[in-house]
Amino acid sequence: MKQIVVVDDEPVIRDVLTALFESEGYAVRTAADGLAALEVVAEQPPDLVIADIIMPRLDGWGLLASLREQYPEIPIILLSATFRGQPPNGAILVAKPFDVDHLLATVGRELNRTAGAE
């Protein structure tokens, strides 16, 4: 079972994404900010990380930089209501509010891409 870590400071977003991905057969762990996410990832590296950009303590940019240093193979999807453009370090950007089908397709594509690289 593929594992996803969902990182967002809004509990409702974490809950919605957890329910969505679990209904698709993924195992989901969550974190409320980037620092907590680094701990969750260190316990057991996931197959994919989805993170909001604007969060307290360590934002999505800082999380992205830290994960790229320690776990360069993990795909990272960043969620943002404000940032538009190409995120650095090979991350994928999905705009909030997100289209569920688009998000699921993006997750599936990234997981399949990394599975093919193994």
N, C-alpha and C. Protein backbone atom coordinates (compact mmCIF):
# COMPACT_ATOMS: atom_id res chain seq x y z
N MET A 1 0.84 -1.18 0.00
CA MET A 1 0.00 0.00 0.00
C MET A 1 0.89 1.25 0.00
N LYS A 2 0.66 2.14 -0.93
CA LYS A 2 1.43 3.38 -1.02
C LYS A 2 1.11 4.30 0.16
N GLN A 3 2.14 4.95 0.68
CA GLN A 3 1.98 5.84 1.83
C GLN A 3 2.14 7.30 1.42
N ILE A 4 1.23 8.12 1.89
CA ILE A 4 1.24 9.56 1.63
C ILE A 4 1.27 10.29 2.96
N VAL A 5 2.10 11.34 3.05
CA VAL A 5 2.07 12.24 4.20
C VAL A 5 1.41 13.53 3.75
N VAL A 6 0.35 13.93 4.46
CA VAL A 6 -0.38 15.17 4.19
C VAL A 6 0.01 16.18 5.25
N VAL A 7 0.47 17.36 4.81
CA VAL A 7 0.95 18.39 5.72
C VAL A 7 0.17 19.67 5.47
N ASP A 8 -0.63 20.08 6.46
CA ASP A 8 -1.40 21.31 6.35
C ASP A 8 -1.75 21.77 7.76
N ASP A 9 -1.68 23.08 7.99
CA ASP A 9 -1.99 23.59 9.32
C ASP A 9 -3.50 23.68 9.57
N GLU A 10 -4.31 23.47 8.56
CA GLU A 10 -5.76 23.50 8.73
C GLU A 10 -6.28 22.07 8.91
N PRO A 11 -6.82 21.77 10.11
CA PRO A 11 -7.30 20.40 10.37
C PRO A 11 -8.34 19.92 9.36
N VAL A 12 -9.20 20.81 8.89
CA VAL A 12 -10.23 20.41 7.93
C VAL A 12 -9.60 19.93 6.63
N ILE A 13 -8.58 20.62 6.16
CA ILE A 13 -7.90 20.20 4.93
C ILE A 13 -7.23 18.84 5.13
N ARG A 14 -6.55 18.68 6.28
CA ARG A 14 -5.92 17.38 6.57
C ARG A 14 -6.97 16.27 6.59
N ASP A 15 -8.09 16.52 7.23
CA ASP A 15 -9.14 15.51 7.32
C ASP A 15 -9.73 15.16 5.95
N VAL A 16 -9.99 16.19 5.15
CA VAL A 16 -10.57 15.96 3.81
C VAL A 16 -9.59 15.17 2.94
N LEU A 17 -8.32 15.57 2.95
CA LEU A 17 -7.33 14.86 2.14
C LEU A 17 -7.10 13.43 2.65
N THR A 18 -7.10 13.26 3.96
CA THR A 18 -6.95 11.91 4.52
C THR A 18 -8.10 11.01 4.06
N ALA A 19 -9.33 11.49 4.18
CA ALA A 19 -10.49 10.70 3.75
C ALA A 19 -10.43 10.40 2.25
N LEU A 20 -10.05 11.40 1.46
CA LEU A 20 -9.96 11.22 0.01
C LEU A 20 -8.95 10.14 -0.35
N PHE A 21 -7.74 10.26 0.18
CA PHE A 21 -6.68 9.31 -0.19
C PHE A 21 -6.91 7.92 0.39
N GLU A 22 -7.45 7.84 1.60
CA GLU A 22 -7.77 6.52 2.17
C GLU A 22 -8.85 5.83 1.34
N SER A 23 -9.82 6.61 0.83
CA SER A 23 -10.87 6.01 0.00
C SER A 23 -10.32 5.49 -1.32
N GLU A 24 -9.14 5.98 -1.71
CA GLU A 24 -8.47 5.51 -2.93
C GLU A 24 -7.48 4.39 -2.65
N GLY A 25 -7.38 3.96 -1.39
CA GLY A 25 -6.52 2.83 -1.05
C GLY A 25 -5.12 3.18 -0.58
N TYR A 26 -4.87 4.45 -0.31
CA TYR A 26 -3.56 4.86 0.19
C TYR A 26 -3.56 4.87 1.72
N ALA A 27 -2.40 4.63 2.30
CA ALA A 27 -2.21 4.82 3.74
C ALA A 27 -1.78 6.27 3.93
N VAL A 28 -2.38 6.96 4.90
CA VAL A 28 -2.13 8.38 5.08
C VAL A 28 -1.68 8.68 6.50
N ARG A 29 -0.61 9.46 6.60
CA ARG A 29 -0.19 10.03 7.88
C ARG A 29 -0.22 11.54 7.71
N THR A 30 -0.41 12.27 8.81
CA THR A 30 -0.55 13.71 8.70
C THR A 30 0.39 14.45 9.64
N ALA A 31 0.58 15.73 9.31
CA ALA A 31 1.35 16.64 10.16
C ALA A 31 0.76 18.03 10.00
N ALA A 32 0.86 18.84 11.07
CA ALA A 32 0.26 20.17 11.07
C ALA A 32 1.20 21.27 10.59
N ASP A 33 2.48 20.95 10.43
CA ASP A 33 3.43 21.94 9.92
C ASP A 33 4.67 21.21 9.42
N GLY A 34 5.59 21.96 8.85
CA GLY A 34 6.77 21.36 8.26
C GLY A 34 7.68 20.65 9.24
N LEU A 35 7.84 21.21 10.45
CA LEU A 35 8.69 20.54 11.44
C LEU A 35 8.11 19.19 11.85
N ALA A 36 6.81 19.17 12.09
CA ALA A 36 6.16 17.90 12.44
C ALA A 36 6.26 16.92 11.28
N ALA A 37 6.17 17.42 10.05
CA ALA A 37 6.27 16.55 8.88
C ALA A 37 7.64 15.90 8.78
N LEU A 38 8.69 16.66 9.09
CA LEU A 38 10.03 16.08 9.05
C LEU A 38 10.15 14.90 10.02
N GLU A 39 9.51 15.00 11.19
CA GLU A 39 9.52 13.90 12.16
C GLU A 39 8.76 12.70 11.62
N VAL A 40 7.59 12.96 11.02
CA VAL A 40 6.77 11.87 10.47
C VAL A 40 7.52 11.16 9.34
N VAL A 41 8.15 11.92 8.48
CA VAL A 41 8.89 11.34 7.36
C VAL A 41 10.10 10.55 7.87
N ALA A 42 10.78 11.06 8.88
CA ALA A 42 11.96 10.38 9.43
C ALA A 42 11.59 9.03 10.04
N GLU A 43 10.40 8.93 10.65
CA GLU A 43 9.95 7.66 11.23
C GLU A 43 9.84 6.57 10.17
N GLN A 44 9.26 6.94 9.04
CA GLN A 44 9.10 6.01 7.92
C GLN A 44 8.89 6.84 6.66
N PRO A 45 9.90 6.91 5.79
CA PRO A 45 9.75 7.71 4.58
C PRO A 45 8.56 7.24 3.74
N PRO A 46 7.70 8.18 3.34
CA PRO A 46 6.52 7.83 2.55
C PRO A 46 6.86 7.74 1.07
N ASP A 47 5.85 7.38 0.30
CA ASP A 47 6.00 7.34 -1.15
C ASP A 47 5.77 8.70 -1.78
N LEU A 48 5.08 9.61 -1.05
CA LEU A 48 4.76 10.93 -1.58
C LEU A 48 4.40 11.85 -0.42
N VAL A 49 4.72 13.14 -0.56
CA VAL A 49 4.35 14.15 0.43
C VAL A 49 3.51 15.22 -0.27
N ILE A 50 2.40 15.59 0.37
CA ILE A 50 1.57 16.70 -0.10
C ILE A 50 1.57 17.74 1.01
N ALA A 51 1.98 18.97 0.69
CA ALA A 51 2.12 19.98 1.74
C ALA A 51 1.60 21.34 1.28
N ASP A 52 0.96 22.03 2.21
CA ASP A 52 0.58 23.42 2.01
C ASP A 52 1.87 24.24 1.99
N ILE A 53 1.84 25.40 1.38
CA ILE A 53 3.03 26.26 1.38
C ILE A 53 3.05 27.13 2.63
N ILE A 54 1.92 27.75 2.96
CA ILE A 54 1.89 28.67 4.09
C ILE A 54 1.47 27.93 5.36
N MET A 55 2.47 27.73 6.25
CA MET A 55 2.24 27.04 7.53
C MET A 55 3.15 27.67 8.57
N PRO A 56 2.79 27.51 9.85
CA PRO A 56 3.67 28.03 10.91
C PRO A 56 4.91 27.13 11.10
N ARG A 57 5.84 27.63 11.86
CA ARG A 57 7.08 26.96 12.25
C ARG A 57 7.99 26.68 11.06
N LEU A 58 7.60 25.83 10.14
CA LEU A 58 8.37 25.56 8.93
C LEU A 58 7.38 25.48 7.78
N ASP A 59 7.49 26.42 6.84
CA ASP A 59 6.52 26.46 5.74
C ASP A 59 6.85 25.41 4.67
N GLY A 60 6.03 25.37 3.65
CA GLY A 60 6.21 24.38 2.60
C GLY A 60 7.52 24.51 1.85
N TRP A 61 8.02 25.75 1.68
CA TRP A 61 9.30 25.95 1.01
C TRP A 61 10.44 25.35 1.83
N GLY A 62 10.42 25.60 3.14
CA GLY A 62 11.45 25.03 4.02
C GLY A 62 11.37 23.52 4.08
N LEU A 63 10.15 23.00 4.11
CA LEU A 63 9.95 21.56 4.11
C LEU A 63 10.49 20.96 2.81
N LEU A 64 10.17 21.58 1.70
CA LEU A 64 10.66 21.12 0.40
C LEU A 64 12.18 21.06 0.38
N ALA A 65 12.83 22.11 0.84
CA ALA A 65 14.29 22.16 0.84
C ALA A 65 14.87 21.06 1.72
N SER A 66 14.30 20.87 2.91
CA SER A 66 14.80 19.84 3.83
C SER A 66 14.59 18.44 3.27
N LEU A 67 13.42 18.20 2.70
CA LEU A 67 13.15 16.87 2.14
C LEU A 67 14.04 16.57 0.94
N ARG A 68 14.29 17.57 0.12
CA ARG A 68 15.15 17.35 -1.05
C ARG A 68 16.58 16.98 -0.62
N GLU A 69 17.05 17.55 0.47
CA GLU A 69 18.38 17.22 0.97
C GLU A 69 18.43 15.79 1.51
N GLN A 70 17.41 15.41 2.27
CA GLN A 70 17.43 14.13 2.96
C GLN A 70 16.81 12.99 2.17
N TYR A 71 15.78 13.29 1.38
CA TYR A 71 15.03 12.27 0.65
C TYR A 71 14.75 12.74 -0.77
N PRO A 72 15.76 12.86 -1.61
CA PRO A 72 15.55 13.45 -2.94
C PRO A 72 14.61 12.66 -3.84
N GLU A 73 14.38 11.39 -3.51
CA GLU A 73 13.55 10.55 -4.36
C GLU A 73 12.05 10.68 -4.09
N ILE A 74 11.67 11.28 -2.97
CA ILE A 74 10.25 11.38 -2.61
C ILE A 74 9.58 12.49 -3.43
N PRO A 75 8.52 12.16 -4.18
CA PRO A 75 7.78 13.21 -4.88
C PRO A 75 7.08 14.14 -3.88
N ILE A 76 7.05 15.43 -4.21
CA ILE A 76 6.43 16.42 -3.33
C ILE A 76 5.45 17.25 -4.15
N ILE A 77 4.23 17.33 -3.64
CA ILE A 77 3.20 18.17 -4.24
C ILE A 77 2.91 19.29 -3.26
N LEU A 78 3.02 20.52 -3.73
CA LEU A 78 2.74 21.68 -2.89
C LEU A 78 1.36 22.24 -3.24
N LEU A 79 0.60 22.58 -2.20
CA LEU A 79 -0.72 23.16 -2.37
C LEU A 79 -0.65 24.64 -2.01
N SER A 80 -1.23 25.50 -2.84
CA SER A 80 -1.20 26.93 -2.53
C SER A 80 -2.39 27.65 -3.13
N ALA A 81 -2.94 28.57 -2.33
CA ALA A 81 -4.00 29.44 -2.82
C ALA A 81 -3.43 30.71 -3.41
N THR A 82 -2.15 30.99 -3.17
CA THR A 82 -1.57 32.26 -3.59
C THR A 82 -0.44 32.14 -4.59
N PHE A 83 0.41 31.14 -4.48
CA PHE A 83 1.58 31.02 -5.36
C PHE A 83 1.16 30.46 -6.71
N ARG A 84 1.66 31.06 -7.74
CA ARG A 84 1.47 30.55 -9.10
C ARG A 84 2.84 30.53 -9.75
N GLY A 85 3.09 29.52 -10.53
CA GLY A 85 4.37 29.42 -11.20
C GLY A 85 4.95 28.03 -11.00
N GLN A 86 6.20 27.88 -11.35
CA GLN A 86 6.89 26.60 -11.22
C GLN A 86 7.67 26.56 -9.92
N PRO A 87 7.30 25.68 -9.00
CA PRO A 87 8.06 25.58 -7.75
C PRO A 87 9.45 24.99 -8.01
N PRO A 88 10.39 25.28 -7.14
CA PRO A 88 11.75 24.78 -7.32
C PRO A 88 11.88 23.30 -6.95
N ASN A 89 13.03 22.76 -7.23
CA ASN A 89 13.43 21.42 -6.78
C ASN A 89 12.51 20.31 -7.24
N GLY A 90 11.91 20.46 -8.40
CA GLY A 90 11.11 19.38 -8.96
C GLY A 90 9.78 19.12 -8.29
N ALA A 91 9.34 20.03 -7.42
CA ALA A 91 8.02 19.86 -6.78
C ALA A 91 6.93 20.16 -7.81
N ILE A 92 5.75 19.67 -7.53
CA ILE A 92 4.58 19.92 -8.36
C ILE A 92 3.68 20.87 -7.59
N LEU A 93 3.09 21.84 -8.28
CA LEU A 93 2.17 22.78 -7.63
C LEU A 93 0.74 22.45 -8.02
N VAL A 94 -0.14 22.39 -7.02
CA VAL A 94 -1.57 22.25 -7.25
C VAL A 94 -2.23 23.43 -6.54
N ALA A 95 -3.03 24.18 -7.29
CA ALA A 95 -3.66 25.38 -6.75
C ALA A 95 -4.85 25.03 -5.86
N LYS A 96 -4.99 25.78 -4.77
CA LYS A 96 -6.18 25.70 -3.93
C LYS A 96 -7.14 26.78 -4.41
N PRO A 97 -8.42 26.57 -4.43
CA PRO A 97 -9.05 25.28 -4.14
C PRO A 97 -8.74 24.29 -5.25
N PHE A 98 -8.46 23.06 -4.86
CA PHE A 98 -8.04 22.07 -5.83
C PHE A 98 -9.22 21.28 -6.35
N ASP A 99 -9.08 20.84 -7.59
CA ASP A 99 -10.03 19.93 -8.20
C ASP A 99 -9.63 18.52 -7.76
N VAL A 100 -10.54 17.79 -7.16
CA VAL A 100 -10.24 16.47 -6.61
C VAL A 100 -9.70 15.53 -7.67
N ASP A 101 -10.34 15.51 -8.83
CA ASP A 101 -9.89 14.61 -9.89
C ASP A 101 -8.48 14.96 -10.36
N HIS A 102 -8.19 16.25 -10.48
CA HIS A 102 -6.85 16.68 -10.88
C HIS A 102 -5.82 16.28 -9.83
N LEU A 103 -6.15 16.49 -8.55
CA LEU A 103 -5.22 16.12 -7.48
C LEU A 103 -4.97 14.62 -7.47
N LEU A 104 -6.01 13.82 -7.59
CA LEU A 104 -5.84 12.36 -7.62
C LEU A 104 -5.02 11.92 -8.82
N ALA A 105 -5.25 12.54 -9.97
CA ALA A 105 -4.48 12.20 -11.16
C ALA A 105 -3.01 12.57 -10.98
N THR A 106 -2.75 13.72 -10.36
CA THR A 106 -1.38 14.15 -10.13
C THR A 106 -0.67 13.20 -9.17
N VAL A 107 -1.35 12.82 -8.10
CA VAL A 107 -0.78 11.87 -7.14
C VAL A 107 -0.49 10.54 -7.83
N GLY A 108 -1.45 10.03 -8.58
CA GLY A 108 -1.26 8.76 -9.28
C GLY A 108 -0.10 8.81 -10.25
N ARG A 109 0.00 9.91 -11.00
CA ARG A 109 1.08 10.06 -11.97
C ARG A 109 2.44 10.08 -11.27
N GLU A 110 2.56 10.82 -10.18
CA GLU A 110 3.84 10.91 -9.46
C GLU A 110 4.21 9.57 -8.83
N LEU A 111 3.25 8.86 -8.28
CA LEU A 111 3.55 7.56 -7.69
C LEU A 111 3.94 6.54 -8.76
N ASN A 112 3.28 6.59 -9.89
CA ASN A 112 3.63 5.68 -11.00
C ASN A 112 5.00 6.01 -11.57
N ARG A 113 5.33 7.30 -11.65
CA ARG A 113 6.62 7.73 -12.18
C ARG A 113 7.75 7.21 -11.29
N THR A 114 7.59 7.35 -9.97
CA THR A 114 8.65 6.90 -9.07
C THR A 114 8.69 5.38 -8.99
N ALA A 115 7.54 4.72 -9.14
CA ALA A 115 7.53 3.25 -9.12
C ALA A 115 8.30 2.71 -10.33
N GLY A 116 8.18 3.40 -11.47
CA GLY A 116 8.88 2.99 -12.67
C GLY A 116 10.38 3.20 -12.59
N ALA A 117 10.81 4.11 -11.70
CA ALA A 117 12.23 4.41 -11.56
C ALA A 117 12.94 3.41 -10.66
N GLU A 118 12.19 2.60 -9.93
CA GLU A 118 12.79 1.65 -8.99
C GLU A 118 13.36 0.44 -9.69
